[in-house]
C-alpha atoms as a PDB file:
ATOM      1  CA  MET A   1      15.463  27.621  -5.195  1.00  0.00           C
ATOM      2  CA  LYS A   2      12.292  26.460  -3.451  1.00  0.00           C
ATOM      3  CA  LYS A   3      12.919  24.289  -0.406  1.00  0.00           C
ATOM      4  CA  ILE A   4      11.528  20.772  -0.672  1.00  0.00           C
ATOM      5  CA  SER A   5       8.765  20.365   1.905  1.00  0.00           C
ATOM      6  CA  PRO A   6       7.325  17.105   3.302  1.00  0.00           C
ATOM      7  CA  GLU A   7       4.135  17.743   1.317  1.00  0.00           C
ATOM      8  CA  LEU A   8       5.994  18.349  -1.954  1.00  0.00           C
ATOM      9  CA  LEU A   9       8.152  15.256  -1.470  1.00  0.00           C
ATOM     10  CA  ARG A  10       5.153  13.075  -0.696  1.00  0.00           C
ATOM     11  CA  ASP A  11       3.110  14.387  -3.620  1.00  0.00           C
ATOM     12  CA  SER A  12       6.063  13.906  -5.990  1.00  0.00           C
ATOM     13  CA  ILE A  13       6.810  10.319  -4.929  1.00  0.00           C
ATOM     14  CA  GLN A  14       3.128   9.347  -4.917  1.00  0.00           C
ATOM     15  CA  CYS A  15       2.616  10.862  -8.360  1.00  0.00           C
ATOM     16  CA  ALA A  16       5.696   9.105  -9.767  1.00  0.00           C
ATOM     17  CA  MET A  17       4.621   5.749  -8.309  1.00  0.00           C
ATOM     18  CA  THR A  18       1.081   6.171  -9.642  1.00  0.00           C
ATOM     19  CA  LEU A  19       2.369   6.973 -13.130  1.00  0.00           C
ATOM     20  CA  PHE A  20       4.630   3.927 -12.900  1.00  0.00           C
ATOM     21  CA  CYS A  21       1.667   1.732 -11.910  1.00  0.00           C
ATOM     22  CA  ILE A  22      -0.369   3.103 -14.821  1.00  0.00           C
ATOM     23  CA  TRP A  23       2.516   2.261 -17.162  1.00  0.00           C
ATOM     24  CA  VAL A  24       2.753  -1.249 -15.666  1.00  0.00           C
ATOM     25  CA  GLY A  25      -0.992  -1.710 -16.108  1.00  0.00           C
ATOM     26  CA  TYR A  26      -0.805  -0.565 -19.733  1.00  0.00           C
ATOM     27  CA  ARG A  27       2.126  -2.879 -20.463  1.00  0.00           C
ATOM     28  CA  PHE A  28       0.244  -5.790 -18.919  1.00  0.00           C
ATOM     29  CA  TYR A  29      -2.820  -4.924 -21.019  1.00  0.00           C
ATOM     30  CA  LEU A  30      -0.655  -5.107 -24.169  1.00  0.00           C
ATOM     31  CA  PHE A  31       0.833  -8.390 -22.938  1.00  0.00           C
ATOM     32  CA  TYR A  32      -2.633  -9.826 -22.324  1.00  0.00           C
ATOM     33  CA  GLN A  33      -3.872  -8.745 -25.760  1.00  0.00           C
ATOM     34  CA  TRP A  34      -0.879 -10.439 -27.371  1.00  0.00           C
ATOM     35  CA  MET A  35      -1.385 -13.592 -25.336  1.00  0.00           C
ATOM     36  CA  ILE A  36      -5.041 -14.011 -26.332  1.00  0.00           C
ATOM     37  CA  GLY A  37      -4.303 -13.309 -29.996  1.00  0.00           C
ATOM     38  CA  ASN A  38      -5.740  -9.798 -30.299  1.00  0.00           C
ATOM     39  CA  SER A  39      -2.342  -8.309 -31.155  1.00  0.00           C
ATOM     40  CA  ASP A  40       0.723  -9.378 -33.137  1.00  0.00           C
ATOM     41  CA  VAL A  41       3.066  -7.230 -31.057  1.00  0.00           C
ATOM     42  CA  ALA A  42       4.955  -9.366 -28.529  1.00  0.00           C
ATOM     43  CA  VAL A  43       5.203  -7.698 -25.118  1.00  0.00           C
ATOM     44  CA  THR A  44       7.030  -8.928 -22.026  1.00  0.00           C
ATOM     45  CA  LYS A  45       4.898  -9.318 -18.924  1.00  0.00           C
ATOM     46  CA  PRO A  46       5.804  -6.622 -16.355  1.00  0.00           C
ATOM     47  CA  GLY A  47       6.511  -8.432 -13.092  1.00  0.00           C
ATOM     48  CA  ALA A  48       5.464  -5.425 -11.013  1.00  0.00           C
ATOM     49  CA  VAL A  49       1.817  -6.078 -11.945  1.00  0.00           C
ATOM     50  CA  GLU A  50       1.879  -8.915  -9.409  1.00  0.00           C
ATOM     51  CA  GLY A  51       2.168  -6.310  -6.665  1.00  0.00           C
ATOM     52  CA  PHE A  52      -1.605  -5.879  -6.993  1.00  0.00           C
ATOM     53  CA  LEU A  53      -2.170  -9.433  -5.698  1.00  0.00           C
ATOM     54  CA  PRO A  54      -1.597  -9.243  -1.916  1.00  0.00           C
ATOM     55  CA  ILE A  55      -3.922 -12.160  -1.110  1.00  0.00           C
ATOM     56  CA  SER A  56      -2.109 -14.477  -3.517  1.00  0.00           C
ATOM     57  CA  SER A  57       1.162 -13.235  -2.022  1.00  0.00           C
ATOM     58  CA  LEU A  58      -0.083 -14.002   1.496  1.00  0.00           C
ATOM     59  CA  LEU A  59      -0.725 -17.580   0.388  1.00  0.00           C
ATOM     60  CA  SER A  60       2.737 -17.719  -1.166  1.00  0.00           C
ATOM     61  CA  LEU A  61       4.275 -16.387   2.041  1.00  0.00           C
ATOM     62  CA  LYS A  62       2.701 -19.223   4.019  1.00  0.00           C
ATOM     63  CA  GLN A  63       4.079 -21.702   1.488  1.00  0.00           C
ATOM     64  CA  LEU A  64       7.529 -20.137   1.886  1.00  0.00           C
ATOM     65  CA  PHE A  65       7.416 -20.434   5.679  1.00  0.00           C
ATOM     66  CA  THR A  66       5.900 -23.928   5.847  1.00  0.00           C
ATOM     67  CA  LYS A  67       7.514 -25.623   2.834  1.00  0.00           C
ATOM     68  CA  GLY A  68      10.535 -23.443   2.091  1.00  0.00           C
ATOM     69  CA  ILE A  69       9.242 -22.985  -1.469  1.00  0.00           C
ATOM     70  CA  PHE A  70       9.478 -19.562  -3.096  1.00  0.00           C
ATOM     71  CA  ASP A  71       6.423 -19.074  -5.307  1.00  0.00           C
ATOM     72  CA  GLU A  72       7.189 -19.453  -9.018  1.00  0.00           C
ATOM     73  CA  VAL A  73       3.721 -18.469 -10.235  1.00  0.00           C
ATOM     74  CA  HIS A  74       3.894 -14.890  -8.958  1.00  0.00           C
ATOM     75  CA  PRO A  75       7.473 -14.495  -7.663  1.00  0.00           C
ATOM     76  CA  ALA A  76       7.517 -10.725  -8.150  1.00  0.00           C
ATOM     77  CA  GLY A  77       4.299 -10.441  -6.157  1.00  0.00           C
ATOM     78  CA  LEU A  78       5.817 -12.330  -3.222  1.00  0.00           C
ATOM     79  CA  THR A  79       8.986 -10.224  -3.424  1.00  0.00           C
ATOM     80  CA  ILE A  80       7.010  -6.982  -3.301  1.00  0.00           C
ATOM     81  CA  PHE A  81       4.814  -8.289  -0.480  1.00  0.00           C
ATOM     82  CA  ILE A  82       7.822  -9.236   1.666  1.00  0.00           C
ATOM     83  CA  ALA A  83       9.459  -5.883   0.908  1.00  0.00           C
ATOM     84  CA  VAL A  84       6.341  -4.019   2.043  1.00  0.00           C
ATOM     85  CA  LEU A  85       6.104  -6.071   5.253  1.00  0.00           C
ATOM     86  CA  VAL A  86       9.764  -5.394   6.066  1.00  0.00           C
ATOM     87  CA  MET A  87       9.214  -1.756   5.162  1.00  0.00           C
ATOM     88  CA  SER A  88       6.449  -1.514   7.749  1.00  0.00           C
ATOM     89  CA  LEU A  89       8.555  -3.142  10.449  1.00  0.00           C
ATOM     90  CA  ILE A  90      11.325  -0.600   9.898  1.00  0.00           C
ATOM     91  CA  MET A  91       9.825   2.483   8.238  1.00  0.00           C
ATOM     92  CA  ARG A  92       6.272   2.407   9.575  1.00  0.00           C
ATOM     93  CA  LYS A  93       3.551   2.490   6.894  1.00  0.00           C
ATOM     94  CA  GLY A  94       5.896   4.073   4.362  1.00  0.00           C
ATOM     95  CA  PHE A  95       4.198   2.082   1.619  1.00  0.00           C
ATOM     96  CA  CYS A  96       0.833   3.672   2.430  1.00  0.00           C
ATOM     97  CA  GLY A  97       2.325   7.110   2.933  1.00  0.00           C
ATOM     98  CA  TYR A  98       4.438   7.300  -0.212  1.00  0.00           C
ATOM     99  CA  LEU A  99       4.211   4.337  -2.585  1.00  0.00           C
ATOM    100  CA  CYS A 100       0.589   3.202  -2.838  1.00  0.00           C
ATOM    101  CA  PRO A 101      -1.297   4.618  -5.865  1.00  0.00           C
ATOM    102  CA  VAL A 102      -4.617   4.332  -4.014  1.00  0.00           C
ATOM    103  CA  GLY A 103      -3.153   6.592  -1.349  1.00  0.00           C
ATOM    104  CA  PHE A 104      -2.294   9.115  -4.056  1.00  0.00           C
ATOM    105  CA  ILE A 105      -5.859   9.059  -5.387  1.00  0.00           C
ATOM    106  CA  HIS A 106      -7.257   9.664  -1.907  1.00  0.00           C
ATOM    107  CA  ASN A 107      -4.680  12.393  -1.369  1.00  0.00           C
ATOM    108  CA  LEU A 108      -6.081  14.179  -4.430  1.00  0.00           C
ATOM    109  CA  LEU A 109      -9.664  13.594  -3.285  1.00  0.00           C
ATOM    110  CA  ASN A 110      -8.802  15.055   0.118  1.00  0.00           C
ATOM    111  CA  LYS A 111      -7.321  18.141  -1.538  1.00  0.00           C
ATOM    112  CA  ILE A 112     -10.584  18.558  -3.496  1.00  0.00           C
ATOM    113  CA  GLY A 113     -12.624  18.205  -0.311  1.00  0.00           C
ATOM    114  CA  ARG A 114     -10.556  20.834   1.467  1.00  0.00           C
ATOM    115  CA  LYS A 115     -10.725  23.129  -1.545  1.00  0.00           C
ATOM    116  CA  ILE A 116     -14.527  23.130  -1.510  1.00  0.00           C
ATOM    117  CA  GLY A 117     -14.658  23.113   2.288  1.00  0.00           C
ATOM    118  CA  LYS A 118     -16.722  19.932   2.564  1.00  0.00           C
ATOM    119  CA  THR A 119     -14.491  17.598   4.589  1.00  0.00           C
ATOM    120  CA  VAL A 120     -15.971  15.873   7.630  1.00  0.00           C
ATOM    121  CA  THR A 121     -13.956  15.090  10.763  1.00  0.00           C
ATOM    122  CA  VAL A 122     -14.665  11.582  12.070  1.00  0.00           C
ATOM    123  CA  LYS A 123     -13.792  11.151  15.746  1.00  0.00           C
ATOM    124  CA  GLY A 124     -14.639   9.205  18.890  1.00  0.00           C
ATOM    125  CA  LYS A 125     -16.999   6.244  18.863  1.00  0.00           C
ATOM    126  CA  ILE A 126     -17.975   6.826  15.233  1.00  0.00           C
ATOM    127  CA  GLU A 127     -14.337   6.621  14.149  1.00  0.00           C
ATOM    128  CA  PHE A 128     -13.802   3.503  16.262  1.00  0.00           C
ATOM    129  CA  GLY A 129     -16.830   1.822  14.697  1.00  0.00           C
ATOM    130  CA  MET A 130     -15.726   2.729  11.190  1.00  0.00           C
ATOM    131  CA  LEU A 131     -12.243   1.288  11.803  1.00  0.00           C
ATOM    132  CA  ILE A 132     -13.612  -2.175  12.645  1.00  0.00           C
ATOM    133  CA  PRO A 133     -14.473  -3.422   9.081  1.00  0.00           C
ATOM    134  CA  LYS A 134     -10.885  -3.392   7.804  1.00  0.00           C
ATOM    135  CA  TYR A 135      -9.716  -5.458  10.767  1.00  0.00           C
ATOM    136  CA  ILE A 136     -12.584  -7.912  10.261  1.00  0.00           C
ATOM    137  CA  ALA A 137     -11.578  -8.255   6.598  1.00  0.00           C
ATOM    138  CA  LEU A 138      -7.927  -8.726   7.571  1.00  0.00           C
ATOM    139  CA  ALA A 139      -8.830 -11.370  10.163  1.00  0.00           C
ATOM    140  CA  PHE A 140     -10.959 -13.205   7.595  1.00  0.00           C
ATOM    141  CA  PHE A 141      -8.136 -13.373   5.037  1.00  0.00           C
ATOM    142  CA  VAL A 142      -5.454 -14.323   7.571  1.00  0.00           C
ATOM    143  CA  ILE A 143      -7.578 -17.018   9.245  1.00  0.00           C
ATOM    144  CA  THR A 144      -8.660 -18.437   5.873  1.00  0.00           C
ATOM    145  CA  VAL A 145      -5.075 -18.626   4.627  1.00  0.00           C
ATOM    146  CA  PHE A 146      -3.637 -20.171   7.781  1.00  0.00           C
ATOM    147  CA  LYS A 147      -6.433 -22.755   8.014  1.00  0.00           C
ATOM    148  CA  MET A 148      -5.536 -24.075   4.561  1.00  0.00           C
ATOM    149  CA  GLY A 149      -3.592 -27.328   4.556  1.00  0.00           C
ATOM    150  CA  GLY A 150      -0.399 -27.866   2.577  1.00  0.00           C
ATOM    151  CA  ARG A 151      -2.027 -29.742  -0.309  1.00  0.00           C
ATOM    152  CA  GLU A 152      -4.919 -27.307  -0.485  1.00  0.00           C
ATOM    153  CA  LEU A 153      -2.506 -24.386  -0.483  1.00  0.00           C
ATOM    154  CA  GLN A 154      -0.336 -25.743  -3.283  1.00  0.00           C
ATOM    155  CA  ALA A 155      -3.405 -26.748  -5.286  1.00  0.00           C
ATOM    156  CA  PHE A 156      -4.641 -23.155  -5.206  1.00  0.00           C
ATOM    157  CA  ILE A 157      -1.247 -21.619  -5.977  1.00  0.00           C
ATOM    158  CA  ARG A 158      -0.877 -23.830  -9.068  1.00  0.00           C
ATOM    159  CA  SER A 159      -4.506 -23.480 -10.139  1.00  0.00           C
ATOM    160  CA  PRO A 160      -5.534 -21.733 -13.390  1.00  0.00           C
ATOM    161  CA  TYR A 161      -7.375 -19.185 -11.234  1.00  0.00           C
ATOM    162  CA  ASN A 162      -4.161 -18.081  -9.516  1.00  0.00           C
ATOM    163  CA  PHE A 163      -2.171 -18.110 -12.759  1.00  0.00           C
ATOM    164  CA  THR A 164      -4.673 -15.657 -14.256  1.00  0.00           C
ATOM    165  CA  ALA A 165      -5.257 -13.549 -11.118  1.00  0.00           C
ATOM    166  CA  GLU A 166      -3.644 -10.389 -12.495  1.00  0.00           C
ATOM    167  CA  ALA A 167      -5.658 -10.698 -15.709  1.00  0.00           C
ATOM    168  CA  LYS A 168      -8.864 -11.019 -13.688  1.00  0.00           C
ATOM    169  CA  MET A 169      -7.863  -7.942 -11.697  1.00  0.00           C
ATOM    170  CA  MET A 170      -7.305  -5.993 -14.913  1.00  0.00           C
ATOM    171  CA  LEU A 171     -10.616  -7.099 -16.416  1.00  0.00           C
ATOM    172  CA  PHE A 172     -12.418  -6.044 -13.235  1.00  0.00           C
ATOM    173  CA  PHE A 173     -11.487  -2.457 -14.081  1.00  0.00           C
ATOM    174  CA  THR A 174     -11.589  -2.583 -17.890  1.00  0.00           C
ATOM    175  CA  ASP A 175     -14.922  -4.464 -18.027  1.00  0.00           C
ATOM    176  CA  MET A 176     -16.443  -3.167 -14.811  1.00  0.00           C
ATOM    177  CA  SER A 177     -20.041  -4.078 -14.055  1.00  0.00           C
ATOM    178  CA  ILE A 178     -22.576  -1.409 -13.122  1.00  0.00           C
ATOM    179  CA  THR A 179     -22.656  -2.670  -9.534  1.00  0.00           C
ATOM    180  CA  ALA A 180     -18.868  -2.572  -9.222  1.00  0.00           C
ATOM    181  CA  ALA A 181     -18.761   0.898 -10.787  1.00  0.00           C
ATOM    182  CA  LEU A 182     -21.325   2.161  -8.277  1.00  0.00           C
ATOM    183  CA  VAL A 183     -19.340   0.721  -5.355  1.00  0.00           C
ATOM    184  CA  VAL A 184     -16.033   2.169  -6.584  1.00  0.00           C
ATOM    185  CA  GLY A 185     -17.695   5.495  -7.373  1.00  0.00           C
ATOM    186  CA  THR A 186     -19.239   5.647  -3.903  1.00  0.00           C
ATOM    187  CA  ILE A 187     -15.879   4.973  -2.237  1.00  0.00           C
ATOM    188  CA  LEU A 188     -14.238   7.696  -4.327  1.00  0.00           C
ATOM    189  CA  ALA A 189     -17.038  10.157  -3.583  1.00  0.00           C
ATOM    190  CA  LEU A 190     -16.786   9.468   0.140  1.00  0.00           C
ATOM    191  CA  GLY A 191     -13.045  10.119  -0.155  1.00  0.00           C
ATOM    192  CA  ILE A 192     -13.831  13.756  -0.966  1.00  0.00           C
ATOM    193  CA  PHE A 193     -15.830  14.305   2.202  1.00  0.00           C
ATOM    194  CA  ILE A 194     -14.140  11.861   4.610  1.00  0.00           C
ATOM    195  CA  PRO A 195     -10.335  12.176   4.312  1.00  0.00           C
ATOM    196  CA  TYR A 196      -8.684   8.985   3.067  1.00  0.00           C
ATOM    197  CA  PHE A 197     -11.918   7.010   3.447  1.00  0.00           C
ATOM    198  CA  TRP A 198     -10.708   3.756   1.861  1.00  0.00           C
ATOM    199  CA  CYS A 199      -7.243   3.885   3.417  1.00  0.00           C
ATOM    200  CA  ARG A 200      -8.464   4.639   6.943  1.00  0.00           C
ATOM    201  CA  PHE A 201     -11.598   2.533   7.197  1.00  0.00           C
ATOM    202  CA  LEU A 202     -11.702  -0.231   4.590  1.00  0.00           C
ATOM    203  CA  CYS A 203      -8.231  -1.342   3.442  1.00  0.00           C
ATOM    204  CA  PRO A 204      -7.219  -4.678   5.070  1.00  0.00           C
ATOM    205  CA  TYR A 205      -3.711  -4.401   3.582  1.00  0.00           C
ATOM    206  CA  GLY A 206      -3.221  -1.110   5.406  1.00  0.00           C
ATOM    207  CA  ALA A 207      -4.607  -2.681   8.588  1.00  0.00           C
ATOM    208  CA  LEU A 208      -1.940  -5.397   8.431  1.00  0.00           C
ATOM    209  CA  LEU A 209       0.833  -2.875   7.825  1.00  0.00           C
ATOM    210  CA  GLY A 210      -0.436  -0.714  10.678  1.00  0.00           C
ATOM    211  CA  ILE A 211      -0.149  -3.623  13.110  1.00  0.00           C
ATOM    212  CA  LEU A 212       3.415  -4.357  11.971  1.00  0.00           C
ATOM    213  CA  ALA A 213       4.333  -0.661  12.159  1.00  0.00           C
ATOM    214  CA  LYS A 214       3.637  -0.671  15.895  1.00  0.00           C
ATOM    215  CA  VAL A 215       7.052  -2.299  16.434  1.00  0.00           C
ATOM    216  CA  SER A 216       8.907   0.073  14.106  1.00  0.00           C
ATOM    217  CA  PRO A 217      11.822   1.840  15.825  1.00  0.00           C
ATOM    218  CA  ILE A 218      10.897   5.031  13.992  1.00  0.00           C
ATOM    219  CA  ALA A 219       8.136   7.353  15.165  1.00  0.00           C
ATOM    220  CA  ILE A 220       7.256  11.029  15.242  1.00  0.00           C
ATOM    221  CA  LYS A 221       7.740  12.617  18.660  1.00  0.00           C
ATOM    222  CA  ARG A 222       6.264  15.836  19.998  1.00  0.00           C
ATOM    223  CA  GLU A 223       8.223  18.164  22.263  1.00  0.00           C
ATOM    224  CA  GLU A 224       5.531  19.107  24.771  1.00  0.00           C
ATOM    225  CA  ASP A 225       7.359  22.208  25.993  1.00  0.00           C
ATOM    226  CA  LYS A 226       7.429  23.613  22.449  1.00  0.00           C
ATOM    227  CA  CYS A 227       3.828  22.771  21.488  1.00  0.00           C
ATOM    228  CA  ILE A 228       1.454  25.760  21.291  1.00  0.00           C
ATOM    229  CA  SER A 229      -1.662  23.553  20.834  1.00  0.00           C
ATOM    230  CA  CYS A 230      -2.665  25.235  17.576  1.00  0.00           C
ATOM    231  CA  GLY A 231      -4.147  21.987  16.203  1.00  0.00           C
ATOM    232  CA  LYS A 232      -2.638  22.400  12.726  1.00  0.00           C
ATOM    233  CA  CYS A 233      -0.939  19.002  12.959  1.00  0.00           C
ATOM    234  CA  ASN A 234      -4.289  17.323  13.636  1.00  0.00           C
ATOM    235  CA  LYS A 235      -5.891  18.897  10.577  1.00  0.00           C
ATOM    236  CA  ALA A 236      -2.987  17.840   8.364  1.00  0.00           C
ATOM    237  CA  CYS A 237      -2.884  14.200   9.526  1.00  0.00           C
ATOM    238  CA  PRO A 238      -4.404  11.804   6.936  1.00  0.00           C
ATOM    239  CA  GLY A 239      -4.955   9.219   9.660  1.00  0.00           C
ATOM    240  CA  GLY A 240      -7.094  11.506  11.805  1.00  0.00           C
ATOM    241  CA  ILE A 241      -4.631  11.230  14.703  1.00  0.00           C
ATOM    242  CA  GLU A 242      -4.771  13.826  17.475  1.00  0.00           C
ATOM    243  CA  VAL A 243      -1.066  14.538  17.239  1.00  0.00           C
ATOM    244  CA  ASP A 244      -1.118  17.427  19.712  1.00  0.00           C
ATOM    245  CA  ARG A 245      -2.266  15.092  22.510  1.00  0.00           C
ATOM    246  CA  LYS A 246       0.476  12.494  22.131  1.00  0.00           C
ATOM    247  CA  GLN A 247       4.136  12.534  23.020  1.00  0.00           C
ATOM    248  CA  THR A 248       4.971   9.679  20.637  1.00  0.00           C
ATOM    249  CA  ILE A 249       2.822   9.067  17.565  1.00  0.00           C
ATOM    250  CA  ASN A 250       2.766   5.268  17.375  1.00  0.00           C
ATOM    251  CA  SER A 251      -0.798   4.798  16.150  1.00  0.00           C
ATOM    252  CA  PRO A 252      -1.433   2.056  13.538  1.00  0.00           C
ATOM    253  CA  GLU A 253      -3.063   4.825  11.489  1.00  0.00           C
ATOM    254  CA  CYS A 254       0.215   6.785  11.188  1.00  0.00           C
ATOM    255  CA  VAL A 255       1.586   6.402   7.647  1.00  0.00           C
ATOM    256  CA  GLY A 256       4.772   8.335   8.381  1.00  0.00           C
ATOM    257  CA  CYS A 257       3.958  10.980   5.782  1.00  0.00           C
ATOM    258  CA  THR A 258       5.288  13.792   8.060  1.00  0.00           C
ATOM    259  CA  GLN A 259       2.457  16.116   7.032  1.00  0.00           C
ATOM    260  CA  CYS A 260       2.107  17.035  10.712  1.00  0.00           C
ATOM    261  CA  ILE A 261       5.719  18.246  10.692  1.00  0.00           C
ATOM    262  CA  ASN A 262       4.996  20.192   7.518  1.00  0.00           C
ATOM    263  CA  ALA A 263       1.997  21.905   9.150  1.00  0.00           C
ATOM    264  CA  CYS A 264       3.623  22.659  12.521  1.00  0.00           C
ATOM    265  CA  PRO A 265       4.510  26.379  12.865  1.00  0.00           C
ATOM    266  CA  VAL A 266       7.055  25.737  15.651  1.00  0.00           C
ATOM    267  CA  ASP A 267      10.472  24.577  14.502  1.00  0.00           C
ATOM    268  CA  GLY A 268      11.608  21.429  16.305  1.00  0.00           C
ATOM    269  CA  CYS A 269       8.288  20.680  17.984  1.00  0.00           C
ATOM    270  CA  LEU A 270       7.657  17.532  15.918  1.00  0.00           C
ATOM    271  CA  ASN A 271      10.538  15.287  14.873  1.00  0.00           C
ATOM    272  CA  VAL A 272      11.067  11.899  13.260  1.00  0.00           C
ATOM    273  CA  THR A 273      12.925   9.983  15.963  1.00  0.00           C
ATOM    274  CA  ASP A 274      14.607   6.634  16.497  1.00  0.00           C
ATOM    275  CA  ARG A 275      12.721   5.379  19.547  1.00  0.00           C
ATOM    276  CA  LEU A 276      15.588   3.105  20.600  1.00  0.00           C
ATOM    277  CA  SER A 277      18.407   5.646  20.650  1.00  0.00           C
ATOM    278  CA  ARG A 278      16.146   8.721  20.873  1.00  0.00           C
ATOM    279  CA  VAL A 279      18.194  10.275  18.093  1.00  0.00           C
ATOM    280  CA  LYS A 280      16.357  12.775  15.897  1.00  0.00           C
ATOM    281  CA  LEU A 281      16.361  11.793  12.234  1.00  0.00           C
ATOM    282  CA  PRO A 282      15.826  13.800   9.030  1.00  0.00           C
ATOM    283  CA  TRP A 283      12.104  14.205   8.296  1.00  0.00           C
ATOM    284  CA  TYR A 284      12.554  12.496   4.909  1.00  0.00           C
ATOM    285  CA  VAL A 285      14.050   9.285   6.333  1.00  0.00           C
ATOM    286  CA  ILE A 286      10.771   7.317   6.067  1.00  0.00           C
ATOM    287  CA  ALA A 287      10.313   8.235   2.405  1.00  0.00           C
ATOM    288  CA  ALA A 288      13.939   7.524   1.517  1.00  0.00           C
ATOM    289  CA  GLY A 289      14.094   4.339   3.577  1.00  0.00           C
ATOM    290  CA  SER A 290      10.904   2.957   2.031  1.00  0.00           C
ATOM    291  CA  LEU A 291      12.207   3.519  -1.492  1.00  0.00           C
ATOM    292  CA  VAL A 292      15.580   1.966  -0.661  1.00  0.00           C
ATOM    293  CA  ILE A 293      13.984  -1.162   0.833  1.00  0.00           C
ATOM    294  CA  LEU A 294      11.748  -1.631  -2.219  1.00  0.00           C
ATOM    295  CA  LEU A 295      14.651  -1.185  -4.655  1.00  0.00           C
ATOM    296  CA  VAL A 296      16.952  -3.504  -2.676  1.00  0.00           C
ATOM    297  CA  TYR A 297      14.359  -6.298  -2.717  1.00  0.00           C
ATOM    298  CA  TYR A 298      13.749  -5.761  -6.437  1.00  0.00           C
ATOM    299  CA  ALA A 299      17.477  -5.913  -7.209  1.00  0.00           C
ATOM    300  CA  ALA A 300      17.927  -9.008  -5.032  1.00  0.00           C
ATOM    301  CA  ALA A 301      14.979 -10.748  -6.709  1.00  0.00           C
ATOM    302  CA  LYS A 302      16.308 -10.000 -10.198  1.00  0.00           C
ATOM    303  CA  PHE A 303      19.816 -11.137  -9.259  1.00  0.00           C
ATOM    304  CA  THR A 304      18.595 -14.414  -7.715  1.00  0.00           C
ATOM    305  CA  ASN A 305      15.957 -15.108 -10.407  1.00  0.00           C
ATOM    306  CA  HIS A 306      13.027 -14.595  -8.046  1.00  0.00           C
ATOM    307  CA  TRP A 307      11.250 -11.942 -10.125  1.00  0.00           C
ATOM    308  CA  ASP A 308      10.109 -13.536 -13.401  1.00  0.00           C
ATOM    309  CA  SER A 309       8.015 -16.709 -13.497  1.00  0.00           C
ATOM    310  CA  PRO A 310       9.753 -19.699 -15.145  1.00  0.00           C
ATOM    311  CA  TYR A 311       6.479 -21.202 -16.385  1.00  0.00           C
ATOM    312  CA  PRO A 312       6.182 -21.308 -20.208  1.00  0.00           C
ATOM    313  CA  LEU A 313       4.095 -18.633 -21.912  1.00  0.00           C
ATOM    314  CA  GLU A 314       2.126 -21.265 -23.814  1.00  0.00           C
ATOM    315  CA  MET A 315       0.833 -22.619 -20.514  1.00  0.00           C
ATOM    316  CA  LEU A 316      -0.224 -19.135 -19.434  1.00  0.00           C
ATOM    317  CA  ARG A 317      -1.800 -18.475 -22.846  1.00  0.00           C
ATOM    318  CA  LYS A 318      -3.858 -21.643 -22.466  1.00  0.00           C
ATOM    319  CA  TYR A 319      -5.187 -20.452 -19.097  1.00  0.00           C
ATOM    320  CA  TYR A 320      -5.933 -16.977 -20.471  1.00  0.00           C
ATOM    321  CA  MET A 321      -7.925 -18.483 -23.330  1.00  0.00           C
ATOM    322  CA  MET A 322      -9.960 -20.503 -20.799  1.00  0.00           C
ATOM    323  CA  MET A 323     -11.132 -17.380 -18.958  1.00  0.00           C
END
């Protein structure tokens, strides 16, 4: 029986999550078609589709902290958002490393780039400059949200625009303009030549999770006395981290994918470690822990009725018809 490697585990989980997201998107498409009268087949709205609305969830999180109100417009979205934030605080950027479908797409693009031998290594000042845009975007969203007053915040959350946010997201891809298609196509093309281009340099969601992951008790540690400086860990790292120059890999770009461990030819040189107790952990703990956290939050939300929106479908249908 073939031993499960970090690469195989990551590819398998990413593929499964991407297929799940495709299924969720298809189910929501059927739901939308039924709601606007293009289909007679009644379909239940899949709550997981709200996971694609992190900005709306950020607004809902502020409402939760300031007013103690759990969002009823997109409750599943807020649940997923909180789960991902907690995941990052405990399991580093496990969401980016294992659960995000965009990460899976860029993983495939990177494999294509390596296959044709056309990948470009971005380092030094160029890398630093390219990292800035995602933090600017993150700062813009965070500052905008936290500058909003209570009335303004609740007005947006209960607005027709927010009620139909997932439908607008779907239509962006199903009825994509030429300009949008060119932008998306360019990002995908760059992902072939520059490993994980969107994830590393443009994603504000990943930037937020990277900042939170800095306090995670879990990190990969390098045993300096065992390292042979072969550089294979550096080449395998999707975050472009120079693993062989660090004792503890605590960079905000580390997604905890353990591909460096997979590439290392020296047994025991790189280990997933609890930084507090210095105890070495199984290499798969980040993947397993991330999945457990997501499932626990989902189960808790379903049990406490914080997953499905209580608003009547006729109200939502009215807003859909106004789009």
